[in-house]
Amino acid sequence: MLRIEYYPEKLFRDDENDRRRRQRQGHDPEPKPVDQTINRLINKGSRVTLWVEPEKHQIIQYTFDNVNLDFLPAQWLATVSGMHASMRMSQAFPEVWLPRDLHMNFSVSLAVGEVTGEYALNYHDYRQAEVKAGIRIPGAR
């Protein structure tokens, strides 16, 4: 198993889908400078770790950690102390890898103390679809 750790440069950025969505909603399709700045700073403060099975060329697990979010506004009101997300994959069918579980947690420091949150989602009971097709010619038996 290979463990690859990197600090992304373009993980958080607007793509063509974001531009089309804004245009459909009647907004300027180009991102605002403040959005571009926030995306750049989130990229700078993030770390992604991948666990890869080299023989199968398959990502088995990846984690996302925000190392530093000190740039967020309103630090006097709330400070994000930590954020973590992780997804593990499993081989649901031969040569088919699908998500097995997703875990996210965060902590925010407020004047009243630290508030934490957690979210987990487990995927199971995958079923392989079967499709059958035929051609029916009218009048033929």
Protein backbone atom coordinates (compact mmCIF):
# COMPACT_ATOMS: atom_id res chain seq x y z
CA MET A 1 0.00 0.00 0.00
CA LEU A 2 1.35 3.43 -0.92
CA ARG A 3 0.60 6.46 1.23
CA ILE A 4 0.65 9.71 -0.71
CA GLU A 5 0.33 13.02 1.10
CA TYR A 6 0.04 16.30 -0.72
CA TYR A 7 -1.06 19.89 -0.34
CA PRO A 8 -3.45 20.69 -3.21
CA GLU A 9 -3.26 23.79 -5.36
CA LYS A 10 -6.50 23.46 -7.30
CA LEU A 11 -8.78 21.21 -5.23
CA PHE A 12 -11.13 24.06 -4.39
CA ARG A 13 -11.89 26.14 -7.41
CA ASP A 14 -14.82 26.99 -9.62
CA ASP A 15 -15.27 24.73 -12.59
CA GLU A 16 -17.44 24.99 -15.69
CA ASN A 17 -20.45 23.49 -13.86
CA ASP A 18 -20.27 26.22 -11.21
CA ARG A 19 -20.17 28.91 -13.90
CA ARG A 20 -23.16 27.41 -15.74
CA ARG A 21 -25.15 27.15 -12.50
CA ARG A 22 -24.49 30.80 -11.65
CA GLN A 23 -25.46 31.84 -15.16
CA ARG A 24 -28.74 29.87 -14.98
CA GLN A 25 -29.53 31.61 -11.70
CA GLY A 26 -29.01 34.98 -13.37
CA HIS A 27 -25.69 35.74 -11.68
CA ASP A 28 -22.38 36.75 -13.19
CA PRO A 29 -20.79 33.49 -14.41
CA GLU A 30 -17.30 34.57 -13.34
CA PRO A 31 -16.38 33.99 -9.68
CA LYS A 32 -16.00 37.01 -7.44
CA PRO A 33 -12.46 37.97 -6.41
CA VAL A 34 -13.29 37.27 -2.74
CA ASP A 35 -14.42 33.72 -3.69
CA GLN A 36 -11.21 33.15 -5.62
CA THR A 37 -9.19 34.35 -2.62
CA ILE A 38 -11.03 32.05 -0.21
CA ASN A 39 -10.59 29.08 -2.58
CA ARG A 40 -6.86 29.81 -2.85
CA LEU A 41 -6.49 30.07 0.94
CA ILE A 42 -8.45 26.87 1.58
CA ASN A 43 -6.19 25.10 -0.90
CA LYS A 44 -3.13 26.46 0.92
CA GLY A 45 -4.43 25.23 4.28
CA SER A 46 -5.52 21.75 3.18
CA ARG A 47 -3.80 18.39 3.18
CA VAL A 48 -4.98 15.32 1.26
CA THR A 49 -3.72 11.82 1.98
CA LEU A 50 -4.32 8.91 -0.40
CA TRP A 51 -3.78 5.21 0.25
CA VAL A 52 -3.25 3.48 -3.08
CA GLU A 53 -3.03 -0.22 -3.95
CA PRO A 54 -0.24 -0.05 -6.58
CA GLU A 55 -0.91 -3.45 -8.17
CA LYS A 56 -4.55 -2.58 -8.90
CA HIS A 57 -3.98 1.16 -9.46
CA GLN A 58 -6.80 1.75 -7.00
CA ILE A 59 -7.35 4.40 -4.33
CA ILE A 60 -8.38 2.49 -1.20
CA GLN A 61 -8.85 5.45 1.13
CA TYR A 62 -8.43 9.18 1.11
CA THR A 63 -8.54 11.76 3.85
CA PHE A 64 -8.90 15.49 3.73
CA ASP A 65 -7.64 17.67 6.58
CA ASN A 66 -7.75 21.42 6.90
CA VAL A 67 -4.44 22.24 8.47
CA ASN A 68 -5.01 25.95 8.90
CA LEU A 69 -8.20 28.01 8.59
CA ASP A 70 -6.99 31.14 10.37
CA PHE A 71 -7.84 33.28 7.34
CA LEU A 72 -11.62 32.82 7.73
CA PRO A 73 -13.49 36.00 8.67
CA ALA A 74 -15.10 36.61 12.09
CA GLN A 75 -12.35 34.87 14.09
CA TRP A 76 -13.56 36.84 17.10
CA LEU A 77 -16.90 34.99 16.89
CA ALA A 78 -15.88 31.47 15.85
CA THR A 79 -12.60 29.73 15.12
CA VAL A 80 -12.53 26.47 13.21
CA SER A 81 -10.24 24.29 15.30
CA GLY A 82 -10.26 21.31 13.00
CA MET A 83 -11.91 19.65 10.05
CA HIS A 84 -11.42 16.11 8.78
CA ALA A 85 -13.12 13.96 6.13
CA SER A 86 -12.30 10.42 5.10
CA MET A 87 -13.68 7.95 2.56
CA ARG A 88 -12.83 4.27 2.28
CA MET A 89 -13.48 2.20 -0.81
CA SER A 90 -14.28 -1.49 -1.14
CA GLN A 91 -14.46 -3.91 -4.01
CA ALA A 92 -18.22 -4.40 -4.33
CA PHE A 93 -17.93 -6.58 -7.44
CA PRO A 94 -14.95 -8.00 -9.31
CA GLU A 95 -12.93 -5.06 -10.63
CA VAL A 96 -15.55 -2.56 -9.40
CA TRP A 97 -14.57 -0.34 -6.46
CA LEU A 98 -17.27 1.71 -4.74
CA PRO A 99 -17.44 3.78 -1.53
CA ARG A 100 -17.70 1.77 1.69
CA ASP A 101 -17.94 4.55 4.24
CA LEU A 102 -17.60 8.29 4.66
CA HIS A 103 -16.72 10.05 7.91
CA MET A 104 -16.54 13.78 8.59
CA ASN A 105 -15.95 15.71 11.78
CA PHE A 106 -15.22 19.28 12.74
CA SER A 107 -14.70 21.43 15.80
CA VAL A 108 -15.37 25.13 16.24
CA SER A 109 -14.33 27.26 19.20
CA LEU A 110 -16.96 29.74 20.35
CA ALA A 111 -17.19 32.02 23.38
CA VAL A 112 -19.29 29.34 25.14
CA GLY A 113 -16.73 26.63 24.45
CA GLU A 114 -15.87 24.14 21.75
CA VAL A 115 -18.61 22.74 19.55
CA THR A 116 -17.99 19.53 17.64
CA GLY A 117 -19.92 17.79 14.91
CA GLU A 118 -19.67 14.41 13.28
CA TYR A 119 -21.27 12.79 10.25
CA ALA A 120 -20.95 9.21 9.08
CA LEU A 121 -22.41 7.39 6.11
CA ASN A 122 -22.03 3.69 5.38
CA TYR A 123 -22.69 2.21 1.97
CA HIS A 124 -23.76 -1.42 1.78
CA ASP A 125 -25.94 -3.92 -0.09
CA TYR A 126 -24.71 -2.95 -3.53
CA ARG A 127 -26.49 -4.91 -6.23
CA GLN A 128 -25.20 -5.51 -9.70
CA ALA A 129 -27.70 -4.55 -12.37
CA GLU A 130 -28.59 -7.00 -15.07
CA VAL A 131 -29.83 -5.83 -18.42
CA LYS A 132 -31.36 -8.00 -21.13
CA ALA A 133 -32.47 -6.73 -24.50
CA GLY A 134 -34.09 -8.24 -27.52
CA ILE A 135 -35.41 -7.15 -30.87
CA ARG A 136 -38.99 -7.81 -31.75
CA ILE A 137 -40.01 -7.53 -35.35
CA PRO A 138 -43.73 -6.85 -35.86
CA GLY A 139 -45.46 -9.70 -37.70
CA ALA A 140 -42.56 -12.14 -37.20
CA ARG A 141 -42.90 -15.15 -34.95
